[in-house]
């Protein structure tokens, strides 16, 4: 199978190229990037020396395309491909929200292909595996929602928590992309920790929408607060919610029970692991894992869930390849079995 990357020069596009190098069933045959068009991929990114492709302004003929363009521009590029019968995994936000008005409210632009929203499948593989395998357009989840939704879904499905939820997330600087900005300069980020988007982050509706459909009548009220930390990769989300009365046994038995429920929920999953101790972001560097540690604050009767991912892999490129594997009929884990880089 031939695959292509639209906008290979962004961090997600670069990571896609790196991961596709080791894929046993597909060949990367076309990459685009307007700013570097005409150059060879290894001349721009020497670590991709095994991919002697020319970066072109337009995508060549492929069986499946990954779009790593920013929102709005991605929908404009993706729509013609989908109409031509090319399968697409869109890493932008353009098809993640099914309501066009909600999308336009949060992203401040008019949607370029609203007619495709109804058929796009939200690409959180562990929760929508069957639909992804049958569709032609996948909306790859945002990095923050991936960690939060996977961390909270077992609690919602098992009726453990009240609707008031807090998601406190920390992300490395690569989540802001390669575009230059004052806020991501080394001198600004180093030795610093900052909260942002206190009025509402664009990833919030993804979290709310996905949790809302998990259980009839559940209407989550989510406070989502992201932070920027001085590291390159990684997301750690700390999720908090009050337990429903009687949902779990009291004391240590409640902790054991919630860990059992999470373990049962993700039993057999290749890329979601329930850990015996709180995970760290370095445990996921460079691989497609989401590591989750659930526990209970017995003094406050509050669920605490720690969830870690690499924002460029499980939060972007790795998740996209996981979805591609299902769309093309390959084993879900193909090309994604590399261990994390540690330390």
C-alpha atoms as a PDB file:
ATOM      1  CA  UNK A   1       0.000   0.000   0.000  1.00  0.00           C
ATOM      2  CA  UNK A   2       1.199   3.500  -0.840  1.00  0.00           C
ATOM      3  CA  UNK A   3       0.704   6.242   1.743  1.00  0.00           C
ATOM      4  CA  UNK A   4       1.451   9.955   1.773  1.00  0.00           C
ATOM      5  CA  UNK A   5       1.856  12.766   4.281  1.00  0.00           C
ATOM      6  CA  UNK A   6       0.453  16.225   3.693  1.00  0.00           C
ATOM      7  CA  UNK A   7       2.701  18.723   5.511  1.00  0.00           C
ATOM      8  CA  UNK A   8       5.579  16.468   6.461  1.00  0.00           C
ATOM      9  CA  UNK A   9       7.538  19.426   7.848  1.00  0.00           C
ATOM     10  CA  UNK A  10       5.481  19.853  11.049  1.00  0.00           C
ATOM     11  CA  UNK A  11       6.287  17.839  14.155  1.00  0.00           C
ATOM     12  CA  UNK A  12       3.405  15.389  13.597  1.00  0.00           C
ATOM     13  CA  UNK A  13       4.404  14.932   9.958  1.00  0.00           C
ATOM     14  CA  UNK A  14       8.042  14.321  10.859  1.00  0.00           C
ATOM     15  CA  UNK A  15       7.013  11.764  13.471  1.00  0.00           C
ATOM     16  CA  UNK A  16       4.732  10.025  10.968  1.00  0.00           C
ATOM     17  CA  UNK A  17       7.637   9.666   8.551  1.00  0.00           C
ATOM     18  CA  UNK A  18       9.877   8.244  11.272  1.00  0.00           C
ATOM     19  CA  UNK A  19       7.313   5.668  12.375  1.00  0.00           C
ATOM     20  CA  UNK A  20       6.313   4.667   8.838  1.00  0.00           C
ATOM     21  CA  UNK A  21       9.945   3.775   8.098  1.00  0.00           C
ATOM     22  CA  UNK A  22       9.526   0.611  10.170  1.00  0.00           C
ATOM     23  CA  UNK A  23       6.037  -0.305   8.974  1.00  0.00           C
ATOM     24  CA  UNK A  24       5.962  -3.779   7.380  1.00  0.00           C
ATOM     25  CA  UNK A  25       2.940  -3.294   5.106  1.00  0.00           C
ATOM     26  CA  UNK A  26       3.031   0.235   3.663  1.00  0.00           C
ATOM     27  CA  UNK A  27       5.485   2.400   1.749  1.00  0.00           C
ATOM     28  CA  UNK A  28       5.685   6.150   2.166  1.00  0.00           C
ATOM     29  CA  UNK A  29       5.762   7.401  -1.428  1.00  0.00           C
ATOM     30  CA  UNK A  30       4.718  11.053  -1.283  1.00  0.00           C
ATOM     31  CA  UNK A  31       5.297  13.936   1.133  1.00  0.00           C
ATOM     32  CA  UNK A  32       4.322  17.586   0.829  1.00  0.00           C
ATOM     33  CA  UNK A  33       5.488  20.781   2.465  1.00  0.00           C
ATOM     34  CA  UNK A  34       5.220  24.085   0.690  1.00  0.00           C
ATOM     35  CA  UNK A  35       8.046  25.861   2.510  1.00  0.00           C
ATOM     36  CA  UNK A  36      10.550  23.099   1.697  1.00  0.00           C
ATOM     37  CA  UNK A  37       9.131  22.019  -1.683  1.00  0.00           C
ATOM     38  CA  UNK A  38      11.798  20.880  -4.122  1.00  0.00           C
ATOM     39  CA  UNK A  39      14.181  19.681  -1.408  1.00  0.00           C
ATOM     40  CA  UNK A  40      14.924  16.070  -0.497  1.00  0.00           C
ATOM     41  CA  UNK A  41      13.465  14.932   2.806  1.00  0.00           C
ATOM     42  CA  UNK A  42      16.871  13.837   4.220  1.00  0.00           C
ATOM     43  CA  UNK A  43      18.357  17.236   3.382  1.00  0.00           C
ATOM     44  CA  UNK A  44      15.748  18.903   5.594  1.00  0.00           C
ATOM     45  CA  UNK A  45      15.634  16.181   8.265  1.00  0.00           C
ATOM     46  CA  UNK A  46      18.898  14.193   8.240  1.00  0.00           C
ATOM     47  CA  UNK A  47      17.546  11.535  10.608  1.00  0.00           C
ATOM     48  CA  UNK A  48      15.183  10.469   7.790  1.00  0.00           C
ATOM     49  CA  UNK A  49      18.099   9.536   5.514  1.00  0.00           C
ATOM     50  CA  UNK A  50      16.397   6.242   4.597  1.00  0.00           C
ATOM     51  CA  UNK A  51      13.570   8.174   2.905  1.00  0.00           C
ATOM     52  CA  UNK A  52      15.110   9.822  -0.188  1.00  0.00           C
ATOM     53  CA  UNK A  53      11.802  11.438  -1.185  1.00  0.00           C
ATOM     54  CA  UNK A  54      11.399  14.861  -2.734  1.00  0.00           C
ATOM     55  CA  UNK A  55       9.121  17.203  -0.811  1.00  0.00           C
ATOM     56  CA  UNK A  56       6.481  18.368  -3.290  1.00  0.00           C
ATOM     57  CA  UNK A  57       3.760  21.043  -3.214  1.00  0.00           C
ATOM     58  CA  UNK A  58       0.996  18.515  -3.986  1.00  0.00           C
ATOM     59  CA  UNK A  59       0.390  14.921  -2.955  1.00  0.00           C
ATOM     60  CA  UNK A  60       1.009  12.111  -5.433  1.00  0.00           C
ATOM     61  CA  UNK A  61      -1.177   9.041  -5.987  1.00  0.00           C
ATOM     62  CA  UNK A  62      -1.644   7.109  -2.738  1.00  0.00           C
ATOM     63  CA  UNK A  63      -4.012   4.600  -1.148  1.00  0.00           C
ATOM     64  CA  UNK A  64      -4.185   6.525   2.117  1.00  0.00           C
ATOM     65  CA  UNK A  65      -3.174  10.034   3.104  1.00  0.00           C
ATOM     66  CA  UNK A  66      -2.300  11.540   6.454  1.00  0.00           C
ATOM     67  CA  UNK A  67      -3.033  15.239   6.778  1.00  0.00           C
ATOM     68  CA  UNK A  68      -0.839  17.078   9.277  1.00  0.00           C
ATOM     69  CA  UNK A  69      -1.963  20.529   8.199  1.00  0.00           C
ATOM     70  CA  UNK A  70      -3.409  23.077  10.649  1.00  0.00           C
ATOM     71  CA  UNK A  71      -7.178  23.291  11.099  1.00  0.00           C
ATOM     72  CA  UNK A  72      -9.177  24.769   8.185  1.00  0.00           C
ATOM     73  CA  UNK A  73      -6.313  24.179   5.736  1.00  0.00           C
ATOM     74  CA  UNK A  74      -6.572  20.463   6.476  1.00  0.00           C
ATOM     75  CA  UNK A  75     -10.266  20.194   5.585  1.00  0.00           C
ATOM     76  CA  UNK A  76      -9.612  22.079   2.356  1.00  0.00           C
ATOM     77  CA  UNK A  77      -6.928  19.565   1.369  1.00  0.00           C
ATOM     78  CA  UNK A  78      -8.699  16.459   2.649  1.00  0.00           C
ATOM     79  CA  UNK A  79     -12.154  16.942   1.101  1.00  0.00           C
ATOM     80  CA  UNK A  80     -11.104  16.390  -2.556  1.00  0.00           C
ATOM     81  CA  UNK A  81      -9.131  13.272  -1.594  1.00  0.00           C
ATOM     82  CA  UNK A  82     -12.063  11.694   0.227  1.00  0.00           C
ATOM     83  CA  UNK A  83     -14.359  12.414  -2.728  1.00  0.00           C
ATOM     84  CA  UNK A  84     -11.833  10.690  -5.010  1.00  0.00           C
ATOM     85  CA  UNK A  85     -11.949   7.553  -2.848  1.00  0.00           C
ATOM     86  CA  UNK A  86      -8.659   8.046  -1.012  1.00  0.00           C
ATOM     87  CA  UNK A  87      -8.796   7.056   2.645  1.00  0.00           C
ATOM     88  CA  UNK A  88      -7.654   9.807   4.995  1.00  0.00           C
ATOM     89  CA  UNK A  89      -6.481  10.139   8.584  1.00  0.00           C
ATOM     90  CA  UNK A  90      -6.747  13.820   9.507  1.00  0.00           C
ATOM     91  CA  UNK A  91      -4.518  14.846  12.412  1.00  0.00           C
ATOM     92  CA  UNK A  92      -5.995  18.347  12.577  1.00  0.00           C
ATOM     93  CA  UNK A  93      -9.133  19.274  14.529  1.00  0.00           C
ATOM     94  CA  UNK A  94     -11.305  19.759  11.447  1.00  0.00           C
ATOM     95  CA  UNK A  95     -13.417  16.599  11.775  1.00  0.00           C
ATOM     96  CA  UNK A  96     -13.268  15.882  15.507  1.00  0.00           C
ATOM     97  CA  UNK A  97     -16.426  17.771  16.472  1.00  0.00           C
ATOM     98  CA  UNK A  98     -19.618  16.515  14.781  1.00  0.00           C
ATOM     99  CA  UNK A  99     -21.464  19.827  15.239  1.00  0.00           C
ATOM    100  CA  UNK A 100     -20.292  22.405  12.698  1.00  0.00           C
ATOM    101  CA  UNK A 101     -21.485  25.300  14.853  1.00  0.00           C
ATOM    102  CA  UNK A 102     -19.497  24.013  17.825  1.00  0.00           C
ATOM    103  CA  UNK A 103     -16.412  23.689  15.620  1.00  0.00           C
ATOM    104  CA  UNK A 104     -16.768  27.211  14.246  1.00  0.00           C
ATOM    105  CA  UNK A 105     -17.335  28.594  17.731  1.00  0.00           C
ATOM    106  CA  UNK A 106     -14.169  27.026  19.185  1.00  0.00           C
ATOM    107  CA  UNK A 107     -11.879  27.459  16.184  1.00  0.00           C
ATOM    108  CA  UNK A 108     -13.131  30.792  14.879  1.00  0.00           C
ATOM    109  CA  UNK A 109     -13.222  29.784  11.201  1.00  0.00           C
ATOM    110  CA  UNK A 110     -15.868  28.579   8.779  1.00  0.00           C
ATOM    111  CA  UNK A 111     -15.649  24.831   8.198  1.00  0.00           C
ATOM    112  CA  UNK A 112     -14.327  24.022   4.721  1.00  0.00           C
ATOM    113  CA  UNK A 113     -16.146  20.674   4.302  1.00  0.00           C
ATOM    114  CA  UNK A 114     -19.094  20.390   6.709  1.00  0.00           C
ATOM    115  CA  UNK A 115     -20.747  17.722   4.539  1.00  0.00           C
ATOM    116  CA  UNK A 116     -18.026  15.248   5.636  1.00  0.00           C
ATOM    117  CA  UNK A 117     -18.607  15.670   9.370  1.00  0.00           C
ATOM    118  CA  UNK A 118     -21.353  13.043   9.476  1.00  0.00           C
ATOM    119  CA  UNK A 119     -19.136  10.297   8.106  1.00  0.00           C
ATOM    120  CA  UNK A 120     -15.916  11.152   9.948  1.00  0.00           C
ATOM    121  CA  UNK A 121     -15.130   8.744  12.801  1.00  0.00           C
ATOM    122  CA  UNK A 122     -13.421   9.982  15.943  1.00  0.00           C
ATOM    123  CA  UNK A 123     -10.172   8.058  15.913  1.00  0.00           C
ATOM    124  CA  UNK A 124      -9.630   7.036  19.501  1.00  0.00           C
ATOM    125  CA  UNK A 125      -8.955   3.481  18.435  1.00  0.00           C
ATOM    126  CA  UNK A 126      -9.637   1.679  21.693  1.00  0.00           C
ATOM    127  CA  UNK A 127     -13.156   3.126  21.867  1.00  0.00           C
ATOM    128  CA  UNK A 128     -14.192   3.171  18.175  1.00  0.00           C
ATOM    129  CA  UNK A 129     -12.331   0.229  16.697  1.00  0.00           C
ATOM    130  CA  UNK A 130     -15.213  -1.238  14.702  1.00  0.00           C
ATOM    131  CA  UNK A 131     -16.254   2.030  13.057  1.00  0.00           C
ATOM    132  CA  UNK A 132     -12.685   2.980  12.191  1.00  0.00           C
ATOM    133  CA  UNK A 133     -12.167  -0.271  10.314  1.00  0.00           C
ATOM    134  CA  UNK A 134     -15.084   0.508   8.011  1.00  0.00           C
ATOM    135  CA  UNK A 135     -14.685   4.232   7.350  1.00  0.00           C
ATOM    136  CA  UNK A 136     -12.802   6.361   4.832  1.00  0.00           C
ATOM    137  CA  UNK A 137     -12.188   9.432   7.011  1.00  0.00           C
ATOM    138  CA  UNK A 138     -10.788   9.340  10.546  1.00  0.00           C
ATOM    139  CA  UNK A 139     -10.518  12.396  12.771  1.00  0.00           C
ATOM    140  CA  UNK A 140      -7.400  11.734  14.810  1.00  0.00           C
ATOM    141  CA  UNK A 141      -7.988  12.873  18.424  1.00  0.00           C
ATOM    142  CA  UNK A 142      -6.206  15.757  20.051  1.00  0.00           C
ATOM    143  CA  UNK A 143      -3.281  14.910  22.304  1.00  0.00           C
ATOM    144  CA  UNK A 144      -4.827  16.212  25.539  1.00  0.00           C
ATOM    145  CA  UNK A 145      -8.196  14.493  24.902  1.00  0.00           C
ATOM    146  CA  UNK A 146      -6.447  11.185  24.218  1.00  0.00           C
ATOM    147  CA  UNK A 147      -4.902  11.136  27.677  1.00  0.00           C
ATOM    148  CA  UNK A 148      -8.012  12.459  29.448  1.00  0.00           C
ATOM    149  CA  UNK A 149     -10.640  10.330  27.694  1.00  0.00           C
ATOM    150  CA  UNK A 150      -8.707   7.081  28.052  1.00  0.00           C
ATOM    151  CA  UNK A 151      -8.091   7.954  31.692  1.00  0.00           C
ATOM    152  CA  UNK A 152     -11.734   8.665  32.526  1.00  0.00           C
ATOM    153  CA  UNK A 153     -13.778   6.328  30.311  1.00  0.00           C
ATOM    154  CA  UNK A 154     -13.663   3.241  32.576  1.00  0.00           C
ATOM    155  CA  UNK A 155     -14.952   5.342  35.479  1.00  0.00           C
ATOM    156  CA  UNK A 156     -17.802   6.730  33.377  1.00  0.00           C
ATOM    157  CA  UNK A 157     -18.753   3.364  31.890  1.00  0.00           C
ATOM    158  CA  UNK A 158     -18.845   1.737  35.324  1.00  0.00           C
ATOM    159  CA  UNK A 159     -20.947   4.550  36.804  1.00  0.00           C
ATOM    160  CA  UNK A 160     -18.325   5.430  39.401  1.00  0.00           C
ATOM    161  CA  UNK A 161     -18.215   9.226  39.261  1.00  0.00           C
ATOM    162  CA  UNK A 162     -20.324  12.359  39.515  1.00  0.00           C
ATOM    163  CA  UNK A 163     -20.449  14.689  36.472  1.00  0.00           C
ATOM    164  CA  UNK A 164     -18.079  17.329  37.908  1.00  0.00           C
ATOM    165  CA  UNK A 165     -14.633  16.468  36.550  1.00  0.00           C
ATOM    166  CA  UNK A 166     -11.289  18.249  36.655  1.00  0.00           C
ATOM    167  CA  UNK A 167      -8.556  17.468  34.114  1.00  0.00           C
ATOM    168  CA  UNK A 168      -5.206  19.067  34.938  1.00  0.00           C
ATOM    169  CA  UNK A 169      -2.722  18.425  32.103  1.00  0.00           C
ATOM    170  CA  UNK A 170       0.943  19.210  31.536  1.00  0.00           C
ATOM    171  CA  UNK A 171       2.464  19.112  28.061  1.00  0.00           C
ATOM    172  CA  UNK A 172       5.891  19.381  26.504  1.00  0.00           C
ATOM    173  CA  UNK A 173       6.641  22.239  24.114  1.00  0.00           C
ATOM    174  CA  UNK A 174       6.402  20.149  20.931  1.00  0.00           C
ATOM    175  CA  UNK A 175       2.625  20.220  21.371  1.00  0.00           C
ATOM    176  CA  UNK A 176       2.720  23.840  20.196  1.00  0.00           C
ATOM    177  CA  UNK A 177       4.163  22.832  16.817  1.00  0.00           C
ATOM    178  CA  UNK A 178       7.221  24.086  14.912  1.00  0.00           C
ATOM    179  CA  UNK A 179       5.943  27.586  14.174  1.00  0.00           C
ATOM    180  CA  UNK A 180       7.954  30.241  15.974  1.00  0.00           C
ATOM    181  CA  UNK A 181       6.358  32.104  18.859  1.00  0.00           C
ATOM    182  CA  UNK A 182       7.606  34.004  21.887  1.00  0.00           C
ATOM    183  CA  UNK A 183       5.864  31.652  24.296  1.00  0.00           C
ATOM    184  CA  UNK A 184       7.820  28.614  23.069  1.00  0.00           C
ATOM    185  CA  UNK A 185      11.298  30.155  22.854  1.00  0.00           C
ATOM    186  CA  UNK A 186      13.876  28.384  25.005  1.00  0.00           C
ATOM    187  CA  UNK A 187      14.417  31.420  27.225  1.00  0.00           C
ATOM    188  CA  UNK A 188      10.681  31.678  27.904  1.00  0.00           C
ATOM    189  CA  UNK A 189      10.028  27.992  28.572  1.00  0.00           C
ATOM    190  CA  UNK A 190      13.183  26.872  30.352  1.00  0.00           C
ATOM    191  CA  UNK A 191      12.987  26.889  34.170  1.00  0.00           C
ATOM    192  CA  UNK A 192       9.334  27.852  33.861  1.00  0.00           C
ATOM    193  CA  UNK A 193       5.832  26.420  34.275  1.00  0.00           C
ATOM    194  CA  UNK A 194       2.734  28.164  32.968  1.00  0.00           C
ATOM    195  CA  UNK A 195      -1.003  27.580  32.723  1.00  0.00           C
ATOM    196  CA  UNK A 196      -2.879  28.733  29.645  1.00  0.00           C
ATOM    197  CA  UNK A 197      -6.342  28.792  28.048  1.00  0.00           C
ATOM    198  CA  UNK A 198      -8.053  29.319  31.391  1.00  0.00           C
ATOM    199  CA  UNK A 199     -11.133  30.568  29.555  1.00  0.00           C
ATOM    200  CA  UNK A 200     -11.498  27.264  27.718  1.00  0.00           C
ATOM    201  CA  UNK A 201      -9.134  25.209  25.563  1.00  0.00           C
ATOM    202  CA  UNK A 202     -10.141  23.991  22.105  1.00  0.00           C
ATOM    203  CA  UNK A 203      -9.690  20.383  23.197  1.00  0.00           C
ATOM    204  CA  UNK A 204     -12.350  20.704  25.892  1.00  0.00           C
ATOM    205  CA  UNK A 205     -15.365  19.895  23.650  1.00  0.00           C
ATOM    206  CA  UNK A 206     -13.659  16.699  22.484  1.00  0.00           C
ATOM    207  CA  UNK A 207     -13.354  15.502  26.062  1.00  0.00           C
ATOM    208  CA  UNK A 208     -16.949  16.438  26.898  1.00  0.00           C
ATOM    209  CA  UNK A 209     -18.421  14.930  23.716  1.00  0.00           C
ATOM    210  CA  UNK A 210     -16.651  11.598  24.115  1.00  0.00           C
ATOM    211  CA  UNK A 211     -17.481  11.179  27.797  1.00  0.00           C
ATOM    212  CA  UNK A 212     -21.091  12.226  27.248  1.00  0.00           C
ATOM    213  CA  UNK A 213     -21.820   9.430  24.769  1.00  0.00           C
ATOM    214  CA  UNK A 214     -20.355   6.725  26.973  1.00  0.00           C
ATOM    215  CA  UNK A 215     -23.343   6.425  29.323  1.00  0.00           C
ATOM    216  CA  UNK A 216     -26.982   7.408  28.860  1.00  0.00           C
ATOM    217  CA  UNK A 217     -27.912  10.425  30.954  1.00  0.00           C
ATOM    218  CA  UNK A 218     -24.340  11.294  31.888  1.00  0.00           C
ATOM    219  CA  UNK A 219     -23.744  15.024  31.389  1.00  0.00           C
ATOM    220  CA  UNK A 220     -20.115  15.772  32.275  1.00  0.00           C
ATOM    221  CA  UNK A 221     -19.117  19.219  33.542  1.00  0.00           C
ATOM    222  CA  UNK A 222     -15.414  19.325  32.796  1.00  0.00           C
ATOM    223  CA  UNK A 223     -12.868  21.872  33.957  1.00  0.00           C
ATOM    224  CA  UNK A 224      -9.840  21.375  31.715  1.00  0.00           C
ATOM    225  CA  UNK A 225      -6.656  23.294  32.488  1.00  0.00           C
ATOM    226  CA  UNK A 226      -3.498  22.741  30.378  1.00  0.00           C
ATOM    227  CA  UNK A 227       0.027  23.716  31.388  1.00  0.00           C
ATOM    228  CA  UNK A 228       3.269  24.108  29.466  1.00  0.00           C
ATOM    229  CA  UNK A 229       6.329  22.491  31.035  1.00  0.00           C
ATOM    230  CA  UNK A 230       9.991  22.779  29.984  1.00  0.00           C
ATOM    231  CA  UNK A 231      10.389  19.456  28.182  1.00  0.00           C
ATOM    232  CA  UNK A 232      10.150  18.433  24.536  1.00  0.00           C
ATOM    233  CA  UNK A 233       7.665  15.553  24.581  1.00  0.00           C
ATOM    234  CA  UNK A 234       5.003  14.111  26.790  1.00  0.00           C
ATOM    235  CA  UNK A 235       1.631  14.737  28.407  1.00  0.00           C
ATOM    236  CA  UNK A 236       0.684  13.906  31.961  1.00  0.00           C
ATOM    237  CA  UNK A 237      -2.982  14.367  32.833  1.00  0.00           C
ATOM    238  CA  UNK A 238      -4.204  14.284  36.414  1.00  0.00           C
ATOM    239  CA  UNK A 239      -7.962  13.657  36.399  1.00  0.00           C
ATOM    240  CA  UNK A 240     -10.183  14.158  39.450  1.00  0.00           C
ATOM    241  CA  UNK A 241     -13.844  13.358  40.063  1.00  0.00           C
ATOM    242  CA  UNK A 242     -16.029  12.776  43.123  1.00  0.00           C
ATOM    243  CA  UNK A 243     -17.146   9.173  43.487  1.00  0.00           C
ATOM    244  CA  UNK A 244     -20.834   8.372  43.600  1.00  0.00           C
ATOM    245  CA  UNK A 245     -22.042   7.222  47.029  1.00  0.00           C
ATOM    246  CA  UNK A 246     -21.580   3.483  47.334  1.00  0.00           C
ATOM    247  CA  UNK A 247     -19.861   3.154  43.945  1.00  0.00           C
ATOM    248  CA  UNK A 248     -16.814   1.550  45.555  1.00  0.00           C
ATOM    249  CA  UNK A 249     -16.034  -0.140  48.860  1.00  0.00           C
ATOM    250  CA  UNK A 250     -14.495   2.092  51.501  1.00  0.00           C
ATOM    251  CA  UNK A 251     -10.779   2.373  52.215  1.00  0.00           C
ATOM    252  CA  UNK A 252      -8.140   0.186  50.594  1.00  0.00           C
ATOM    253  CA  UNK A 253     -10.753  -2.155  49.169  1.00  0.00           C
ATOM    254  CA  UNK A 254     -12.074   0.733  47.103  1.00  0.00           C
ATOM    255  CA  UNK A 255      -8.605   1.389  45.690  1.00  0.00           C
ATOM    256  CA  UNK A 256      -8.197  -2.291  44.840  1.00  0.00           C
ATOM    257  CA  UNK A 257     -11.622  -2.390  43.214  1.00  0.00           C
ATOM    258  CA  UNK A 258     -11.068   0.637  40.982  1.00  0.00           C
ATOM    259  CA  UNK A 259      -7.731  -0.792  39.873  1.00  0.00           C
ATOM    260  CA  UNK A 260      -9.440  -4.076  39.069  1.00  0.00           C
ATOM    261  CA  UNK A 261     -12.179  -2.333  37.066  1.00  0.00           C
ATOM    262  CA  UNK A 262      -9.622  -0.391  35.032  1.00  0.00           C
ATOM    263  CA  UNK A 263      -7.564  -3.525  34.451  1.00  0.00           C
ATOM    264  CA  UNK A 264     -10.633  -5.402  33.202  1.00  0.00           C
ATOM    265  CA  UNK A 265     -11.669  -2.502  30.951  1.00  0.00           C
ATOM    266  CA  UNK A 266      -8.327  -2.374  29.140  1.00  0.00           C
ATOM    267  CA  UNK A 267      -7.550  -6.079  29.292  1.00  0.00           C
ATOM    268  CA  UNK A 268      -6.068  -7.188  25.983  1.00  0.00           C
ATOM    269  CA  UNK A 269      -5.315  -3.671  24.742  1.00  0.00           C
ATOM    270  CA  UNK A 270      -1.878  -3.395  23.170  1.00  0.00           C
ATOM    271  CA  UNK A 271      -1.366   0.306  23.736  1.00  0.00           C
ATOM    272  CA  UNK A 272      -3.191   1.067  26.993  1.00  0.00           C
ATOM    273  CA  UNK A 273      -1.637  -0.277  30.178  1.00  0.00           C
ATOM    274  CA  UNK A 274      -2.941   0.057  33.726  1.00  0.00           C
ATOM    275  CA  UNK A 275       0.137   0.464  35.893  1.00  0.00           C
ATOM    276  CA  UNK A 276       0.909  -0.478  39.493  1.00  0.00           C
ATOM    277  CA  UNK A 277       2.427   2.927  40.270  1.00  0.00           C
ATOM    278  CA  UNK A 278       1.896   6.453  38.895  1.00  0.00           C
ATOM    279  CA  UNK A 279       3.474   6.604  35.402  1.00  0.00           C
ATOM    280  CA  UNK A 280       5.933   9.232  34.214  1.00  0.00           C
ATOM    281  CA  UNK A 281       6.121  10.915  30.821  1.00  0.00           C
ATOM    282  CA  UNK A 282       9.530   9.393  30.093  1.00  0.00           C
ATOM    283  CA  UNK A 283       7.941   5.951  30.275  1.00  0.00           C
ATOM    284  CA  UNK A 284       6.154   6.791  27.011  1.00  0.00           C
ATOM    285  CA  UNK A 285       8.844   8.721  25.114  1.00  0.00           C
ATOM    286  CA  UNK A 286       8.768   7.674  21.480  1.00  0.00           C
ATOM    287  CA  UNK A 287       6.197   4.892  21.773  1.00  0.00           C
ATOM    288  CA  UNK A 288       2.447   4.511  21.312  1.00  0.00           C
ATOM    289  CA  UNK A 289       1.517   3.662  24.900  1.00  0.00           C
ATOM    290  CA  UNK A 290      -0.993   5.327  27.170  1.00  0.00           C
ATOM    291  CA  UNK A 291      -0.127   4.472  30.772  1.00  0.00           C
ATOM    292  CA  UNK A 292      -2.910   4.860  33.330  1.00  0.00           C
ATOM    293  CA  UNK A 293      -2.880   4.691  37.120  1.00  0.00           C
ATOM    294  CA  UNK A 294      -6.255   4.935  38.921  1.00  0.00           C
ATOM    295  CA  UNK A 295      -6.610   5.322  42.672  1.00  0.00           C
ATOM    296  CA  UNK A 296      -8.890   6.830  45.316  1.00  0.00           C
ATOM    297  CA  UNK A 297      -8.301   9.624  47.827  1.00  0.00           C
ATOM    298  CA  UNK A 298     -10.119   7.904  50.670  1.00  0.00           C
ATOM    299  CA  UNK A 299     -10.210  11.109  52.762  1.00  0.00           C
ATOM    300  CA  UNK A 300     -12.219  13.037  50.173  1.00  0.00           C
ATOM    301  CA  UNK A 301     -13.951  10.136  48.361  1.00  0.00           C
ATOM    302  CA  UNK A 302     -12.410  11.343  45.101  1.00  0.00           C
ATOM    303  CA  UNK A 303     -11.180   9.331  42.133  1.00  0.00           C
ATOM    304  CA  UNK A 304      -7.675  10.239  40.942  1.00  0.00           C
ATOM    305  CA  UNK A 305      -6.421   9.022  37.570  1.00  0.00           C
ATOM    306  CA  UNK A 306      -2.920   9.712  36.221  1.00  0.00           C
ATOM    307  CA  UNK A 307      -2.588   9.257  32.454  1.00  0.00           C
ATOM    308  CA  UNK A 308       0.633   9.597  30.430  1.00  0.00           C
ATOM    309  CA  UNK A 309       1.294   9.620  26.674  1.00  0.00           C
ATOM    310  CA  UNK A 310       3.864  10.904  24.201  1.00  0.00           C
ATOM    311  CA  UNK A 311       1.960  13.781  22.591  1.00  0.00           C
ATOM    312  CA  UNK A 312       3.628  13.174  19.210  1.00  0.00           C
ATOM    313  CA  UNK A 313       3.014   9.403  19.141  1.00  0.00           C
ATOM    314  CA  UNK A 314      -0.144   8.194  20.923  1.00  0.00           C
ATOM    315  CA  UNK A 315      -1.241  11.847  20.866  1.00  0.00           C
ATOM    316  CA  UNK A 316      -0.708  12.238  17.104  1.00  0.00           C
ATOM    317  CA  UNK A 317       1.357  10.147  14.662  1.00  0.00           C
ATOM    318  CA  UNK A 318       1.254   6.773  16.420  1.00  0.00           C
ATOM    319  CA  UNK A 319      -2.498   6.984  16.933  1.00  0.00           C
ATOM    320  CA  UNK A 320      -2.840   7.915  13.248  1.00  0.00           C
ATOM    321  CA  UNK A 321      -0.914   4.815  12.174  1.00  0.00           C
ATOM    322  CA  UNK A 322      -2.946   2.668  14.574  1.00  0.00           C
ATOM    323  CA  UNK A 323      -6.059   3.966  12.803  1.00  0.00           C
ATOM    324  CA  UNK A 324      -4.512   3.482   9.366  1.00  0.00           C
ATOM    325  CA  UNK A 325      -3.821  -0.159  10.214  1.00  0.00           C
ATOM    326  CA  UNK A 326      -7.509  -0.761  10.906  1.00  0.00           C
ATOM    327  CA  UNK A 327      -8.629   1.155   7.813  1.00  0.00           C
ATOM    328  CA  UNK A 328      -6.345  -0.895   5.548  1.00  0.00           C
ATOM    329  CA  UNK A 329      -6.939  -4.252   7.226  1.00  0.00           C
ATOM    330  CA  UNK A 330      -3.514  -4.673   8.824  1.00  0.00           C
ATOM    331  CA  UNK A 331      -2.774  -5.856  12.383  1.00  0.00           C
ATOM    332  CA  UNK A 332      -3.530  -2.905  14.646  1.00  0.00           C
ATOM    333  CA  UNK A 333      -0.053  -2.865  16.200  1.00  0.00           C
ATOM    334  CA  UNK A 334       1.880  -3.077  12.917  1.00  0.00           C
ATOM    335  CA  UNK A 335       4.829  -0.689  12.899  1.00  0.00           C
ATOM    336  CA  UNK A 336       4.174   0.515  16.444  1.00  0.00           C
ATOM    337  CA  UNK A 337       5.919  -1.979  18.691  1.00  0.00           C
ATOM    338  CA  UNK A 338       9.054   0.050  19.480  1.00  0.00           C
ATOM    339  CA  UNK A 339       9.889   0.421  23.164  1.00  0.00           C
ATOM    340  CA  UNK A 340      10.115   3.816  24.815  1.00  0.00           C
ATOM    341  CA  UNK A 341      13.406   5.709  24.848  1.00  0.00           C
ATOM    342  CA  UNK A 342      14.648   5.815  28.435  1.00  0.00           C
ATOM    343  CA  UNK A 343      16.057   7.788  30.140  1.00  0.00           C
END
